[in-house]
């Protein structure tokens, strides 16, 4: 808590948490790459399945909820460098969760290897063992703004 004015001489480094919600529907148990800024998903990554990183940072977590029990589900973080056309289909990190109950939230917490640099393209895929039907995800990203 500050009282009065704050003066900084030199540099100020900040981290920002960004929360992003995503939704899609799947009527089978195939791996889906979720879309950013549009509802839906795709079987392979393309223009709708990438998010451009404005700064370096990392994926903190993904919370998932589906209208059917999707059972063993892999949630994966994908990344490709600035200059690449699409996401790499080989995940940087995959976290398994057991979505054993419908309409219940489950959280996948990612480690520090799920990092990225400014300009990288980022993506999330979901690979359930049972049909999830309607799926909602909330991604928590951490950005390190140094300029």
N, C-alpha and C. Protein backbone atom coordinates (compact mmCIF):
# COMPACT_ATOMS: atom_id res chain seq x y z
N UNK A 1 0.85 -1.18 0.00
CA UNK A 1 0.00 0.00 0.00
C UNK A 1 0.89 1.23 0.00
N UNK A 2 0.62 2.11 -0.93
CA UNK A 2 1.38 3.36 -1.03
C UNK A 2 0.48 4.52 -0.63
N UNK A 3 1.06 5.49 0.05
CA UNK A 3 0.37 6.74 0.34
C UNK A 3 1.16 7.86 -0.32
N UNK A 4 0.55 8.62 -1.17
CA UNK A 4 1.27 9.69 -1.85
C UNK A 4 1.73 9.27 -3.22
N UNK A 5 2.80 9.91 -3.71
CA UNK A 5 3.31 9.66 -5.05
C UNK A 5 4.35 8.55 -5.05
N UNK A 6 4.44 7.84 -6.14
CA UNK A 6 5.47 6.83 -6.34
C UNK A 6 6.34 7.30 -7.50
N UNK A 7 7.64 7.35 -7.28
CA UNK A 7 8.58 7.77 -8.31
C UNK A 7 9.54 6.62 -8.55
N UNK A 8 9.74 6.27 -9.82
CA UNK A 8 10.65 5.19 -10.17
C UNK A 8 11.77 5.80 -11.00
N UNK A 9 12.97 5.57 -10.56
CA UNK A 9 14.14 6.01 -11.31
C UNK A 9 14.82 4.76 -11.83
N UNK A 10 14.78 4.54 -13.12
CA UNK A 10 15.33 3.31 -13.70
C UNK A 10 14.24 2.54 -14.39
N UNK A 11 14.26 1.24 -14.25
CA UNK A 11 13.33 0.35 -14.95
C UNK A 11 12.25 -0.19 -14.02
N UNK A 12 11.12 -0.47 -14.60
CA UNK A 12 10.03 -1.12 -13.89
C UNK A 12 9.68 -2.37 -14.68
N UNK A 13 9.73 -3.52 -14.03
CA UNK A 13 9.40 -4.79 -14.66
C UNK A 13 8.09 -5.29 -14.08
N UNK A 14 7.16 -5.72 -14.96
CA UNK A 14 5.85 -6.16 -14.48
C UNK A 14 5.49 -7.50 -15.10
N UNK A 15 4.65 -8.23 -14.41
CA UNK A 15 4.04 -9.44 -14.94
C UNK A 15 2.55 -9.21 -14.94
N UNK A 16 1.90 -9.70 -15.98
CA UNK A 16 0.46 -9.55 -16.08
C UNK A 16 -0.16 -10.92 -16.27
N UNK A 17 -1.19 -11.22 -15.52
CA UNK A 17 -1.97 -12.43 -15.74
C UNK A 17 -3.10 -12.09 -16.70
N UNK A 18 -3.29 -12.93 -17.70
CA UNK A 18 -4.35 -12.73 -18.69
C UNK A 18 -5.24 -13.97 -18.68
N UNK A 19 -6.53 -13.76 -18.52
CA UNK A 19 -7.50 -14.86 -18.48
C UNK A 19 -8.27 -14.86 -19.79
N UNK A 20 -8.34 -16.03 -20.41
CA UNK A 20 -8.95 -16.15 -21.74
C UNK A 20 -9.94 -17.32 -21.72
N UNK A 21 -11.18 -17.07 -22.13
CA UNK A 21 -12.17 -18.15 -22.16
C UNK A 21 -12.37 -18.63 -23.60
N UNK A 22 -12.60 -19.93 -23.71
CA UNK A 22 -12.73 -20.60 -25.01
C UNK A 22 -13.88 -21.59 -24.90
N UNK A 23 -14.63 -21.78 -25.99
CA UNK A 23 -15.69 -22.78 -25.99
C UNK A 23 -15.75 -23.48 -27.33
N UNK A 24 -16.15 -24.75 -27.29
CA UNK A 24 -16.36 -25.50 -28.53
C UNK A 24 -17.26 -26.69 -28.23
N UNK A 25 -17.71 -27.36 -29.29
CA UNK A 25 -18.55 -28.55 -29.17
C UNK A 25 -17.90 -29.66 -29.96
N UNK A 26 -17.86 -30.85 -29.38
CA UNK A 26 -17.29 -32.00 -30.07
C UNK A 26 -18.21 -33.21 -29.86
N UNK A 27 -18.56 -33.86 -30.94
CA UNK A 27 -19.45 -35.03 -30.85
C UNK A 27 -18.68 -36.34 -31.01
N UNK A 28 -17.34 -36.27 -30.86
CA UNK A 28 -16.53 -37.49 -30.85
C UNK A 28 -15.34 -37.27 -29.93
N UNK A 29 -14.49 -38.26 -29.82
CA UNK A 29 -13.37 -38.17 -28.87
C UNK A 29 -12.03 -37.87 -29.57
N UNK A 30 -12.07 -37.22 -30.71
CA UNK A 30 -10.83 -36.89 -31.42
C UNK A 30 -10.15 -35.66 -30.80
N UNK A 31 -8.84 -35.55 -31.02
CA UNK A 31 -8.09 -34.40 -30.55
C UNK A 31 -8.58 -33.16 -31.29
N UNK A 32 -8.78 -32.08 -30.54
CA UNK A 32 -9.26 -30.82 -31.10
C UNK A 32 -8.32 -29.69 -30.71
N UNK A 33 -8.00 -28.82 -31.68
CA UNK A 33 -7.26 -27.60 -31.43
C UNK A 33 -8.30 -26.50 -31.27
N UNK A 34 -8.32 -25.87 -30.10
CA UNK A 34 -9.35 -24.88 -29.82
C UNK A 34 -9.08 -23.60 -30.61
N UNK A 35 -10.14 -22.85 -30.85
CA UNK A 35 -10.05 -21.59 -31.58
C UNK A 35 -9.94 -20.43 -30.60
N UNK A 36 -9.22 -19.41 -31.02
CA UNK A 36 -9.13 -18.17 -30.27
C UNK A 36 -9.96 -17.12 -30.99
N UNK A 37 -10.71 -16.34 -30.27
CA UNK A 37 -11.54 -15.26 -30.81
C UNK A 37 -12.70 -15.76 -31.67
N UNK A 38 -13.00 -17.03 -31.59
CA UNK A 38 -14.14 -17.61 -32.31
C UNK A 38 -14.49 -18.93 -31.65
N UNK A 39 -15.77 -19.22 -31.53
CA UNK A 39 -16.18 -20.49 -30.96
C UNK A 39 -15.83 -21.62 -31.92
N UNK A 40 -15.50 -22.77 -31.37
CA UNK A 40 -15.25 -23.93 -32.21
C UNK A 40 -13.86 -24.50 -32.04
N UNK A 41 -13.59 -25.52 -32.83
CA UNK A 41 -12.30 -26.21 -32.78
C UNK A 41 -12.03 -26.84 -34.14
N UNK A 42 -10.81 -27.33 -34.31
CA UNK A 42 -10.41 -27.97 -35.56
C UNK A 42 -9.59 -29.22 -35.27
N UNK A 43 -9.58 -30.16 -36.21
CA UNK A 43 -8.79 -31.39 -36.06
C UNK A 43 -7.30 -31.16 -36.27
N UNK A 44 -6.95 -30.11 -37.00
CA UNK A 44 -5.55 -29.77 -37.20
C UNK A 44 -5.41 -28.25 -37.05
N UNK A 45 -4.24 -27.78 -36.62
CA UNK A 45 -4.09 -26.34 -36.36
C UNK A 45 -4.04 -25.51 -37.63
N UNK A 46 -4.70 -24.37 -37.57
CA UNK A 46 -4.73 -23.43 -38.68
C UNK A 46 -4.83 -22.00 -38.16
N UNK A 47 -5.33 -21.10 -38.97
CA UNK A 47 -5.35 -19.68 -38.64
C UNK A 47 -6.17 -19.38 -37.39
N UNK A 48 -7.25 -20.09 -37.13
CA UNK A 48 -8.10 -19.81 -35.97
C UNK A 48 -7.57 -20.39 -34.67
N UNK A 49 -6.56 -21.23 -34.74
CA UNK A 49 -6.10 -21.97 -33.56
C UNK A 49 -4.82 -21.42 -32.95
N UNK A 50 -4.45 -20.20 -33.31
CA UNK A 50 -3.23 -19.63 -32.78
C UNK A 50 -3.48 -18.26 -32.16
N UNK A 51 -2.71 -18.01 -31.13
CA UNK A 51 -2.77 -16.78 -30.35
C UNK A 51 -1.36 -16.20 -30.36
N UNK A 52 -1.19 -14.95 -30.75
CA UNK A 52 0.14 -14.34 -30.86
C UNK A 52 0.52 -13.73 -29.51
N UNK A 53 1.68 -14.15 -29.00
CA UNK A 53 2.16 -13.66 -27.70
C UNK A 53 2.65 -12.22 -27.83
N UNK A 54 2.11 -11.30 -27.01
CA UNK A 54 2.55 -9.91 -27.07
C UNK A 54 3.85 -9.66 -26.30
N UNK A 55 4.26 -10.64 -25.49
CA UNK A 55 5.47 -10.54 -24.67
C UNK A 55 5.89 -11.94 -24.30
N UNK A 56 7.05 -12.08 -23.70
CA UNK A 56 7.45 -13.40 -23.21
C UNK A 56 6.57 -13.78 -22.02
N UNK A 57 6.54 -15.06 -21.70
CA UNK A 57 5.73 -15.50 -20.57
C UNK A 57 5.57 -16.99 -20.54
N UNK A 58 4.47 -17.45 -19.90
CA UNK A 58 4.20 -18.89 -19.80
C UNK A 58 2.71 -19.13 -19.60
N UNK A 59 2.31 -20.35 -19.93
CA UNK A 59 0.95 -20.79 -19.65
C UNK A 59 0.92 -21.28 -18.21
N UNK A 60 0.04 -20.73 -17.41
CA UNK A 60 -0.07 -21.12 -16.00
C UNK A 60 -0.99 -22.33 -15.85
N UNK A 61 -2.23 -22.22 -16.37
CA UNK A 61 -3.19 -23.31 -16.19
C UNK A 61 -4.31 -23.24 -17.22
N UNK A 62 -5.01 -24.37 -17.35
CA UNK A 62 -6.23 -24.45 -18.15
C UNK A 62 -7.27 -25.15 -17.29
N UNK A 63 -8.40 -24.50 -17.09
CA UNK A 63 -9.52 -25.11 -16.38
C UNK A 63 -10.53 -25.52 -17.44
N UNK A 64 -10.99 -26.77 -17.35
CA UNK A 64 -11.88 -27.33 -18.38
C UNK A 64 -13.15 -27.86 -17.73
N UNK A 65 -14.25 -27.73 -18.47
CA UNK A 65 -15.55 -28.23 -18.01
C UNK A 65 -16.30 -28.70 -19.25
N UNK A 66 -16.91 -29.87 -19.19
CA UNK A 66 -17.68 -30.38 -20.33
C UNK A 66 -19.04 -30.89 -19.86
N UNK A 67 -19.99 -30.93 -20.79
CA UNK A 67 -21.34 -31.34 -20.44
C UNK A 67 -21.50 -32.86 -20.37
N UNK A 68 -20.46 -33.59 -20.75
CA UNK A 68 -20.43 -35.05 -20.59
C UNK A 68 -19.10 -35.43 -19.96
N UNK A 69 -19.08 -36.54 -19.25
CA UNK A 69 -17.83 -37.02 -18.68
C UNK A 69 -16.91 -37.43 -19.82
N UNK A 70 -15.80 -36.73 -19.97
CA UNK A 70 -14.85 -37.01 -21.05
C UNK A 70 -13.77 -38.00 -20.61
N UNK A 71 -13.79 -38.35 -19.31
CA UNK A 71 -12.84 -39.30 -18.71
C UNK A 71 -11.41 -38.83 -18.91
N UNK A 72 -10.47 -39.74 -19.18
CA UNK A 72 -9.07 -39.35 -19.32
C UNK A 72 -8.89 -38.38 -20.47
N UNK A 73 -8.47 -37.16 -20.17
CA UNK A 73 -8.35 -36.11 -21.18
C UNK A 73 -6.97 -35.47 -21.10
N UNK A 74 -6.31 -35.36 -22.24
CA UNK A 74 -5.02 -34.67 -22.32
C UNK A 74 -5.23 -33.25 -22.82
N UNK A 75 -4.71 -32.30 -22.05
CA UNK A 75 -4.74 -30.90 -22.44
C UNK A 75 -3.30 -30.53 -22.75
N UNK A 76 -3.05 -30.04 -23.96
CA UNK A 76 -1.68 -29.81 -24.41
C UNK A 76 -1.45 -28.36 -24.81
N UNK A 77 -0.23 -27.88 -24.51
CA UNK A 77 0.22 -26.56 -24.92
C UNK A 77 1.12 -26.71 -26.14
N UNK A 78 0.80 -25.97 -27.19
CA UNK A 78 1.57 -25.99 -28.44
C UNK A 78 2.13 -24.60 -28.70
N UNK A 79 3.30 -24.57 -29.33
CA UNK A 79 3.95 -23.29 -29.61
C UNK A 79 4.74 -23.43 -30.91
N UNK A 80 4.85 -22.31 -31.62
CA UNK A 80 5.73 -22.21 -32.78
C UNK A 80 6.33 -20.82 -32.77
N UNK A 81 7.50 -20.69 -33.36
CA UNK A 81 8.22 -19.43 -33.33
C UNK A 81 7.67 -18.39 -34.28
N UNK A 82 8.06 -17.16 -34.02
CA UNK A 82 7.72 -16.05 -34.90
C UNK A 82 8.31 -16.38 -36.28
N UNK A 83 7.50 -16.34 -37.31
CA UNK A 83 7.93 -16.70 -38.66
C UNK A 83 7.35 -18.03 -39.12
N UNK A 84 6.87 -18.87 -38.17
CA UNK A 84 6.22 -20.13 -38.54
C UNK A 84 4.77 -19.86 -38.93
N UNK A 85 4.25 -20.64 -39.86
CA UNK A 85 2.88 -20.44 -40.33
C UNK A 85 1.84 -20.97 -39.36
N UNK A 86 2.09 -22.15 -38.77
CA UNK A 86 1.10 -22.77 -37.90
C UNK A 86 1.77 -23.37 -36.68
N UNK A 87 0.94 -23.75 -35.73
CA UNK A 87 1.42 -24.38 -34.51
C UNK A 87 2.13 -25.69 -34.80
N UNK A 88 3.08 -26.04 -33.96
CA UNK A 88 3.71 -27.34 -34.02
C UNK A 88 2.72 -28.35 -33.43
N UNK A 89 2.46 -29.45 -34.12
CA UNK A 89 1.51 -30.45 -33.61
C UNK A 89 2.10 -31.29 -32.47
N UNK A 90 3.42 -31.24 -32.29
CA UNK A 90 4.04 -31.88 -31.14
C UNK A 90 3.95 -30.91 -29.97
N UNK A 91 3.29 -31.34 -28.91
CA UNK A 91 3.06 -30.46 -27.76
C UNK A 91 4.35 -30.18 -27.00
N UNK A 92 4.44 -28.98 -26.46
CA UNK A 92 5.52 -28.62 -25.55
C UNK A 92 5.32 -29.34 -24.22
N UNK A 93 4.07 -29.36 -23.75
CA UNK A 93 3.73 -30.04 -22.50
C UNK A 93 2.28 -30.51 -22.57
N UNK A 94 2.03 -31.70 -22.04
CA UNK A 94 0.68 -32.27 -22.00
C UNK A 94 0.35 -32.64 -20.56
N UNK A 95 -0.82 -32.20 -20.10
CA UNK A 95 -1.28 -32.49 -18.75
C UNK A 95 -2.55 -33.33 -18.86
N UNK A 96 -2.57 -34.46 -18.17
CA UNK A 96 -3.75 -35.32 -18.16
C UNK A 96 -4.65 -35.02 -16.98
N UNK A 97 -5.95 -34.95 -17.25
CA UNK A 97 -6.95 -34.81 -16.20
C UNK A 97 -8.03 -35.86 -16.42
N UNK A 98 -8.67 -36.29 -15.35
CA UNK A 98 -9.75 -37.27 -15.45
C UNK A 98 -11.07 -36.55 -15.27
N UNK A 99 -11.72 -36.25 -16.39
CA UNK A 99 -13.01 -35.56 -16.35
C UNK A 99 -14.07 -36.64 -16.14
N UNK A 100 -14.16 -37.10 -14.90
CA UNK A 100 -15.04 -38.21 -14.56
C UNK A 100 -16.48 -37.83 -14.33
N UNK A 101 -16.78 -36.53 -14.28
CA UNK A 101 -18.13 -36.06 -14.02
C UNK A 101 -18.50 -34.96 -15.00
N UNK A 102 -19.73 -35.02 -15.47
CA UNK A 102 -20.23 -33.96 -16.35
C UNK A 102 -20.44 -32.68 -15.55
N UNK A 103 -20.32 -31.54 -16.22
CA UNK A 103 -20.61 -30.23 -15.64
C UNK A 103 -19.80 -29.95 -14.37
N UNK A 104 -18.57 -30.43 -14.36
CA UNK A 104 -17.66 -30.24 -13.23
C UNK A 104 -16.34 -29.72 -13.78
N UNK A 105 -15.75 -28.76 -13.08
CA UNK A 105 -14.49 -28.16 -13.54
C UNK A 105 -13.28 -28.97 -13.08
N UNK A 106 -12.28 -29.05 -13.95
CA UNK A 106 -11.02 -29.72 -13.66
C UNK A 106 -9.90 -28.80 -14.13
N UNK A 107 -8.80 -28.78 -13.37
CA UNK A 107 -7.72 -27.84 -13.65
C UNK A 107 -6.43 -28.56 -14.01
N UNK A 108 -5.83 -28.14 -15.12
CA UNK A 108 -4.52 -28.63 -15.54
C UNK A 108 -3.52 -27.51 -15.28
N UNK A 109 -2.52 -27.80 -14.43
CA UNK A 109 -1.50 -26.81 -14.09
C UNK A 109 -0.24 -27.14 -14.87
N UNK A 110 0.27 -26.16 -15.60
CA UNK A 110 1.44 -26.35 -16.46
C UNK A 110 2.71 -25.92 -15.74
N UNK A 111 3.83 -26.48 -16.15
CA UNK A 111 5.12 -26.17 -15.53
C UNK A 111 5.83 -25.06 -16.30
N UNK A 112 7.03 -24.72 -15.87
CA UNK A 112 7.78 -23.64 -16.50
C UNK A 112 8.26 -23.95 -17.91
N UNK A 113 8.15 -25.22 -18.36
CA UNK A 113 8.56 -25.51 -19.74
C UNK A 113 7.53 -25.00 -20.76
N UNK A 114 6.34 -24.67 -20.29
CA UNK A 114 5.29 -24.13 -21.18
C UNK A 114 5.46 -22.62 -21.30
N UNK A 115 6.64 -22.23 -21.76
CA UNK A 115 6.95 -20.81 -21.90
C UNK A 115 6.95 -20.40 -23.36
N UNK A 116 7.12 -19.10 -23.58
CA UNK A 116 7.10 -18.58 -24.95
C UNK A 116 7.78 -17.22 -24.97
N UNK A 117 8.11 -16.78 -26.18
CA UNK A 117 8.72 -15.47 -26.39
C UNK A 117 7.78 -14.55 -27.13
N UNK A 118 8.11 -13.27 -27.20
CA UNK A 118 7.25 -12.33 -27.93
C UNK A 118 7.17 -12.71 -29.40
N UNK A 119 5.97 -12.69 -29.94
CA UNK A 119 5.76 -13.01 -31.34
C UNK A 119 5.51 -14.49 -31.61
N UNK A 120 5.79 -15.37 -30.63
CA UNK A 120 5.49 -16.79 -30.81
C UNK A 120 3.99 -16.98 -30.99
N UNK A 121 3.61 -18.05 -31.69
CA UNK A 121 2.19 -18.39 -31.78
C UNK A 121 1.93 -19.53 -30.80
N UNK A 122 0.81 -19.44 -30.09
CA UNK A 122 0.47 -20.34 -28.99
C UNK A 122 -0.85 -21.01 -29.27
N UNK A 123 -0.99 -22.24 -28.78
CA UNK A 123 -2.24 -22.95 -28.98
C UNK A 123 -2.47 -24.00 -27.91
N UNK A 124 -3.71 -24.45 -27.84
CA UNK A 124 -4.15 -25.47 -26.88
C UNK A 124 -4.90 -26.55 -27.64
N UNK A 125 -4.58 -27.81 -27.33
CA UNK A 125 -5.38 -28.90 -27.87
C UNK A 125 -5.96 -29.71 -26.72
N UNK A 126 -7.09 -30.35 -27.00
CA UNK A 126 -7.78 -31.19 -26.02
C UNK A 126 -8.02 -32.54 -26.67
N UNK A 127 -7.59 -33.60 -25.99
CA UNK A 127 -7.75 -34.95 -26.52
C UNK A 127 -8.41 -35.84 -25.47
N UNK A 128 -9.76 -35.94 -25.51
CA UNK A 128 -10.49 -36.73 -24.52
C UNK A 128 -10.57 -38.20 -24.91
N UNK A 129 -10.82 -39.07 -23.94
CA UNK A 129 -11.02 -40.48 -24.26
C UNK A 129 -12.49 -40.81 -24.49
N UNK A 130 -13.38 -39.90 -24.10
CA UNK A 130 -14.82 -40.04 -24.36
C UNK A 130 -15.35 -38.71 -24.91
N UNK A 131 -16.47 -38.75 -25.58
CA UNK A 131 -17.06 -37.56 -26.18
C UNK A 131 -17.41 -36.53 -25.12
N UNK A 132 -16.86 -35.30 -25.21
CA UNK A 132 -17.13 -34.29 -24.18
C UNK A 132 -18.39 -33.46 -24.41
N UNK A 133 -18.88 -33.40 -25.66
CA UNK A 133 -19.99 -32.53 -26.08
C UNK A 133 -19.61 -31.07 -25.93
N UNK A 134 -20.33 -30.27 -25.13
CA UNK A 134 -20.01 -28.85 -24.99
C UNK A 134 -18.85 -28.68 -24.01
N UNK A 135 -17.83 -27.95 -24.45
CA UNK A 135 -16.61 -27.78 -23.65
C UNK A 135 -16.33 -26.29 -23.44
N UNK A 136 -16.02 -25.93 -22.20
CA UNK A 136 -15.57 -24.58 -21.86
C UNK A 136 -14.19 -24.69 -21.22
N UNK A 137 -13.29 -23.81 -21.65
CA UNK A 137 -11.94 -23.76 -21.09
C UNK A 137 -11.64 -22.33 -20.64
N UNK A 138 -10.87 -22.20 -19.59
CA UNK A 138 -10.35 -20.91 -19.18
C UNK A 138 -8.84 -21.07 -19.05
N UNK A 139 -8.11 -20.31 -19.87
CA UNK A 139 -6.64 -20.33 -19.86
C UNK A 139 -6.14 -19.15 -19.05
N UNK A 140 -5.12 -19.39 -18.24
CA UNK A 140 -4.46 -18.32 -17.50
C UNK A 140 -3.03 -18.25 -18.01
N UNK A 141 -2.69 -17.11 -18.62
CA UNK A 141 -1.37 -16.85 -19.18
C UNK A 141 -0.68 -15.82 -18.30
N UNK A 142 0.63 -15.90 -18.22
CA UNK A 142 1.42 -14.88 -17.53
C UNK A 142 2.35 -14.23 -18.54
N UNK A 143 2.27 -12.91 -18.65
CA UNK A 143 3.11 -12.15 -19.57
C UNK A 143 4.12 -11.33 -18.78
N UNK A 144 5.35 -11.30 -19.26
CA UNK A 144 6.43 -10.51 -18.64
C UNK A 144 6.70 -9.30 -19.52
N UNK A 145 6.09 -8.18 -19.18
CA UNK A 145 6.29 -6.94 -19.94
C UNK A 145 7.49 -6.21 -19.35
N UNK A 146 8.51 -6.01 -20.16
CA UNK A 146 9.72 -5.35 -19.66
C UNK A 146 9.94 -3.99 -20.33
N UNK A 147 9.16 -3.61 -21.30
CA UNK A 147 9.30 -2.30 -21.97
C UNK A 147 8.11 -1.43 -21.67
